[in-house]
N, C-alpha and C. Protein backbone atom coordinates (compact mmCIF):
# COMPACT_ATOMS: atom_id res chain seq x y z
N MET A 1 83.98 93.67 32.65
CA MET A 1 84.30 94.78 33.52
C MET A 1 83.64 94.56 34.88
N ILE A 2 84.17 95.24 35.85
CA ILE A 2 83.68 95.13 37.22
C ILE A 2 83.37 96.53 37.73
N ARG A 3 82.19 96.68 38.33
CA ARG A 3 81.79 97.95 38.95
C ARG A 3 81.64 97.73 40.44
N LEU A 4 82.26 98.61 41.23
CA LEU A 4 82.10 98.61 42.68
C LEU A 4 81.44 99.91 43.09
N ASN A 5 80.42 99.80 43.91
CA ASN A 5 79.81 100.95 44.57
C ASN A 5 80.10 100.79 46.06
N VAL A 6 80.84 101.71 46.61
CA VAL A 6 81.21 101.64 48.02
C VAL A 6 80.49 102.76 48.75
N PHE A 7 79.52 102.39 49.57
CA PHE A 7 78.76 103.37 50.33
C PHE A 7 79.46 103.62 51.65
N ILE A 8 79.63 104.88 51.98
CA ILE A 8 80.32 105.29 53.20
C ILE A 8 79.35 106.09 54.05
N GLN A 9 79.10 105.63 55.26
CA GLN A 9 78.27 106.39 56.20
C GLN A 9 79.21 106.99 57.23
N VAL A 10 79.16 108.32 57.34
CA VAL A 10 80.13 109.04 58.17
C VAL A 10 79.43 110.11 59.00
N SER A 11 79.92 110.30 60.20
CA SER A 11 79.38 111.34 61.08
C SER A 11 79.83 112.72 60.60
N ALA A 12 79.12 113.73 61.04
CA ALA A 12 79.45 115.11 60.64
C ALA A 12 80.87 115.48 61.05
N GLU A 13 81.31 115.03 62.22
CA GLU A 13 82.64 115.40 62.69
C GLU A 13 83.77 114.72 61.93
N ASN A 14 83.49 113.59 61.29
CA ASN A 14 84.52 112.88 60.52
C ASN A 14 84.42 113.09 59.01
N ARG A 15 83.39 113.76 58.57
CA ARG A 15 83.11 113.89 57.13
C ARG A 15 84.27 114.53 56.37
N ALA A 16 84.79 115.63 56.85
CA ALA A 16 85.87 116.34 56.14
C ALA A 16 87.12 115.46 56.05
N ALA A 17 87.44 114.76 57.12
CA ALA A 17 88.62 113.88 57.11
C ALA A 17 88.44 112.73 56.13
N VAL A 18 87.25 112.14 56.10
CA VAL A 18 86.97 111.04 55.17
C VAL A 18 87.07 111.53 53.73
N LEU A 19 86.50 112.69 53.45
CA LEU A 19 86.57 113.23 52.10
C LEU A 19 88.02 113.49 51.68
N GLU A 20 88.83 113.98 52.57
CA GLU A 20 90.24 114.25 52.26
C GLU A 20 90.97 112.96 51.89
N VAL A 21 90.77 111.92 52.70
CA VAL A 21 91.43 110.63 52.44
C VAL A 21 90.86 110.01 51.16
N ALA A 22 89.55 110.09 50.97
CA ALA A 22 88.91 109.51 49.78
C ALA A 22 89.39 110.19 48.51
N LYS A 23 89.57 111.49 48.54
CA LYS A 23 90.07 112.21 47.36
C LYS A 23 91.49 111.77 47.01
N GLU A 24 92.31 111.51 48.02
CA GLU A 24 93.65 111.00 47.78
C GLU A 24 93.58 109.59 47.18
N LEU A 25 92.68 108.76 47.71
CA LEU A 25 92.48 107.42 47.18
C LEU A 25 92.06 107.47 45.71
N VAL A 26 91.16 108.36 45.38
CA VAL A 26 90.71 108.51 43.99
C VAL A 26 91.87 108.91 43.09
N ALA A 27 92.63 109.92 43.49
CA ALA A 27 93.74 110.41 42.67
C ALA A 27 94.76 109.31 42.39
N CYS A 28 95.08 108.54 43.41
CA CYS A 28 96.06 107.45 43.25
C CYS A 28 95.47 106.30 42.42
N SER A 29 94.24 105.95 42.67
CA SER A 29 93.62 104.80 42.02
C SER A 29 93.41 105.03 40.53
N LEU A 30 93.16 106.25 40.13
CA LEU A 30 92.98 106.55 38.71
C LEU A 30 94.22 106.21 37.89
N LYS A 31 95.36 106.12 38.55
CA LYS A 31 96.62 105.80 37.87
C LYS A 31 96.87 104.29 37.80
N ASP A 32 96.06 103.50 38.50
CA ASP A 32 96.24 102.05 38.51
C ASP A 32 95.89 101.45 37.15
N LYS A 33 96.69 100.47 36.73
CA LYS A 33 96.44 99.78 35.47
C LYS A 33 95.06 99.11 35.53
N GLY A 34 94.28 99.29 34.50
CA GLY A 34 92.97 98.67 34.41
C GLY A 34 91.85 99.47 35.03
N CYS A 35 92.16 100.63 35.61
CA CYS A 35 91.13 101.49 36.18
C CYS A 35 90.45 102.27 35.06
N ILE A 36 89.16 102.07 34.90
CA ILE A 36 88.40 102.77 33.87
C ILE A 36 87.77 104.03 34.45
N ALA A 37 87.26 103.94 35.67
CA ALA A 37 86.66 105.10 36.34
C ALA A 37 86.79 104.92 37.85
N TYR A 38 86.93 106.04 38.55
CA TYR A 38 87.06 106.01 40.01
C TYR A 38 86.71 107.40 40.51
N ASP A 39 85.65 107.54 41.29
CA ASP A 39 85.25 108.87 41.75
C ASP A 39 84.49 108.74 43.06
N ILE A 40 84.38 109.85 43.76
CA ILE A 40 83.60 109.90 45.00
C ILE A 40 82.46 110.89 44.80
N PHE A 41 81.31 110.52 45.33
CA PHE A 41 80.11 111.33 45.20
C PHE A 41 79.52 111.60 46.58
N GLU A 42 78.90 112.77 46.71
CA GLU A 42 78.22 113.15 47.94
C GLU A 42 76.71 113.07 47.72
N SER A 43 75.98 112.52 48.67
CA SER A 43 74.53 112.44 48.55
C SER A 43 73.93 113.84 48.57
N ALA A 44 72.94 114.06 47.72
CA ALA A 44 72.23 115.34 47.69
C ALA A 44 71.16 115.41 48.78
N THR A 45 70.82 114.26 49.37
CA THR A 45 69.74 114.24 50.35
C THR A 45 70.17 113.84 51.76
N ARG A 46 71.38 113.24 51.89
CA ARG A 46 71.86 112.81 53.20
C ARG A 46 73.30 113.22 53.38
N SER A 47 73.56 114.10 54.32
CA SER A 47 74.92 114.60 54.53
C SER A 47 75.85 113.55 55.12
N ASP A 48 75.29 112.45 55.64
CA ASP A 48 76.12 111.41 56.24
C ASP A 48 76.51 110.30 55.26
N VAL A 49 76.16 110.45 53.97
CA VAL A 49 76.42 109.39 52.99
C VAL A 49 77.29 109.89 51.85
N LEU A 50 78.36 109.15 51.59
CA LEU A 50 79.23 109.36 50.44
C LEU A 50 79.26 108.04 49.67
N MET A 51 79.67 108.08 48.40
CA MET A 51 79.79 106.85 47.64
C MET A 51 80.99 106.93 46.70
N ILE A 52 81.80 105.90 46.73
CA ILE A 52 82.89 105.76 45.76
C ILE A 52 82.41 104.80 44.69
N CYS A 53 82.50 105.22 43.44
CA CYS A 53 82.15 104.37 42.29
C CYS A 53 83.43 104.03 41.54
N GLU A 54 83.64 102.75 41.33
CA GLU A 54 84.85 102.28 40.65
C GLU A 54 84.46 101.38 39.49
N THR A 55 85.17 101.49 38.38
CA THR A 55 85.01 100.55 37.28
C THR A 55 86.38 100.05 36.90
N TRP A 56 86.50 98.71 36.83
CA TRP A 56 87.77 98.04 36.55
C TRP A 56 87.65 97.19 35.30
N GLN A 57 88.73 97.13 34.56
CA GLN A 57 88.78 96.38 33.31
C GLN A 57 88.52 94.89 33.54
N ASP A 58 89.13 94.34 34.60
CA ASP A 58 89.00 92.90 34.86
C ASP A 58 89.38 92.61 36.31
N ALA A 59 89.20 91.35 36.70
CA ALA A 59 89.47 90.93 38.08
C ALA A 59 90.94 91.10 38.44
N GLU A 60 91.83 90.85 37.50
CA GLU A 60 93.26 90.99 37.77
C GLU A 60 93.61 92.44 38.13
N SER A 61 93.01 93.39 37.43
CA SER A 61 93.26 94.81 37.72
C SER A 61 92.75 95.18 39.10
N LEU A 62 91.56 94.68 39.45
CA LEU A 62 90.99 94.97 40.76
C LEU A 62 91.84 94.35 41.87
N THR A 63 92.30 93.13 41.66
CA THR A 63 93.15 92.46 42.66
C THR A 63 94.45 93.24 42.87
N ALA A 64 95.05 93.69 41.78
CA ALA A 64 96.29 94.48 41.89
C ALA A 64 96.03 95.78 42.65
N HIS A 65 94.91 96.42 42.37
CA HIS A 65 94.53 97.66 43.07
C HIS A 65 94.39 97.41 44.57
N GLU A 66 93.74 96.32 44.93
CA GLU A 66 93.51 96.00 46.34
C GLU A 66 94.81 95.70 47.09
N GLY A 67 95.88 95.41 46.35
CA GLY A 67 97.18 95.18 46.98
C GLY A 67 98.12 96.37 46.89
N ALA A 68 97.67 97.43 46.23
CA ALA A 68 98.51 98.62 46.04
C ALA A 68 98.72 99.35 47.36
N ALA A 69 99.88 100.00 47.49
CA ALA A 69 100.23 100.70 48.73
C ALA A 69 99.19 101.74 49.12
N HIS A 70 98.68 102.49 48.14
CA HIS A 70 97.70 103.52 48.48
C HIS A 70 96.40 102.90 49.00
N PHE A 71 96.00 101.76 48.46
CA PHE A 71 94.77 101.10 48.92
C PHE A 71 94.93 100.59 50.34
N VAL A 72 96.02 99.85 50.61
CA VAL A 72 96.20 99.25 51.93
C VAL A 72 96.50 100.28 53.00
N THR A 73 96.88 101.48 52.60
CA THR A 73 97.11 102.56 53.55
C THR A 73 95.86 103.41 53.78
N LEU A 74 95.19 103.79 52.70
CA LEU A 74 94.09 104.76 52.79
C LEU A 74 92.74 104.14 53.17
N VAL A 75 92.42 102.97 52.67
CA VAL A 75 91.13 102.36 52.98
C VAL A 75 90.97 102.11 54.48
N PRO A 76 91.97 101.58 55.17
CA PRO A 76 91.82 101.42 56.63
C PRO A 76 91.61 102.76 57.35
N GLN A 77 92.17 103.83 56.82
CA GLN A 77 91.94 105.15 57.43
C GLN A 77 90.47 105.53 57.33
N ILE A 78 89.87 105.28 56.16
CA ILE A 78 88.44 105.57 56.00
C ILE A 78 87.62 104.67 56.91
N GLN A 79 87.98 103.39 56.96
CA GLN A 79 87.25 102.44 57.81
C GLN A 79 87.32 102.81 59.29
N GLY A 80 88.40 103.47 59.69
CA GLY A 80 88.53 103.91 61.07
C GLY A 80 87.66 105.11 61.41
N LEU A 81 87.17 105.80 60.38
CA LEU A 81 86.38 107.00 60.58
C LEU A 81 84.91 106.84 60.20
N ALA A 82 84.58 105.78 59.47
CA ALA A 82 83.23 105.63 58.93
C ALA A 82 82.94 104.15 58.70
N SER A 83 81.68 103.83 58.42
CA SER A 83 81.34 102.47 58.04
C SER A 83 81.20 102.39 56.52
N MET A 84 81.57 101.24 55.97
CA MET A 84 81.56 101.08 54.51
C MET A 84 80.76 99.83 54.14
N LYS A 85 80.03 99.93 53.02
CA LYS A 85 79.28 98.80 52.48
C LYS A 85 79.60 98.71 51.00
N LEU A 86 79.90 97.51 50.51
CA LEU A 86 80.34 97.30 49.14
C LEU A 86 79.28 96.56 48.33
N GLU A 87 79.02 97.06 47.11
CA GLU A 87 78.22 96.35 46.11
C GLU A 87 79.12 96.10 44.92
N LYS A 88 79.10 94.87 44.39
CA LYS A 88 79.95 94.51 43.27
C LYS A 88 79.11 93.96 42.13
N PHE A 89 79.39 94.44 40.91
CA PHE A 89 78.66 94.01 39.72
C PHE A 89 79.65 93.67 38.62
N ASP A 90 79.45 92.52 38.01
CA ASP A 90 80.23 92.14 36.82
C ASP A 90 79.36 92.38 35.60
N PHE A 91 79.96 93.01 34.59
CA PHE A 91 79.20 93.24 33.35
C PHE A 91 80.10 93.19 32.14
């Protein structure tokens, strides 16, 4: 399995827009084949930090997700509003 932690640093003025797009990304991604878990979390201590946690069955599932229409449309929208940092773990 593969776990991705995507940290999103966003300004106060863009936070609501990023959350809206991220929630759409979550809803669509949960339907992708091989998606075990996909959710967005808000930091309890920093209002400028969000995190998307993803768990994928295998590399093929993750690759298919990264090519899906919702991914190639929504992720650039988030990137235009915030900075993102990715951590990847295989287990």
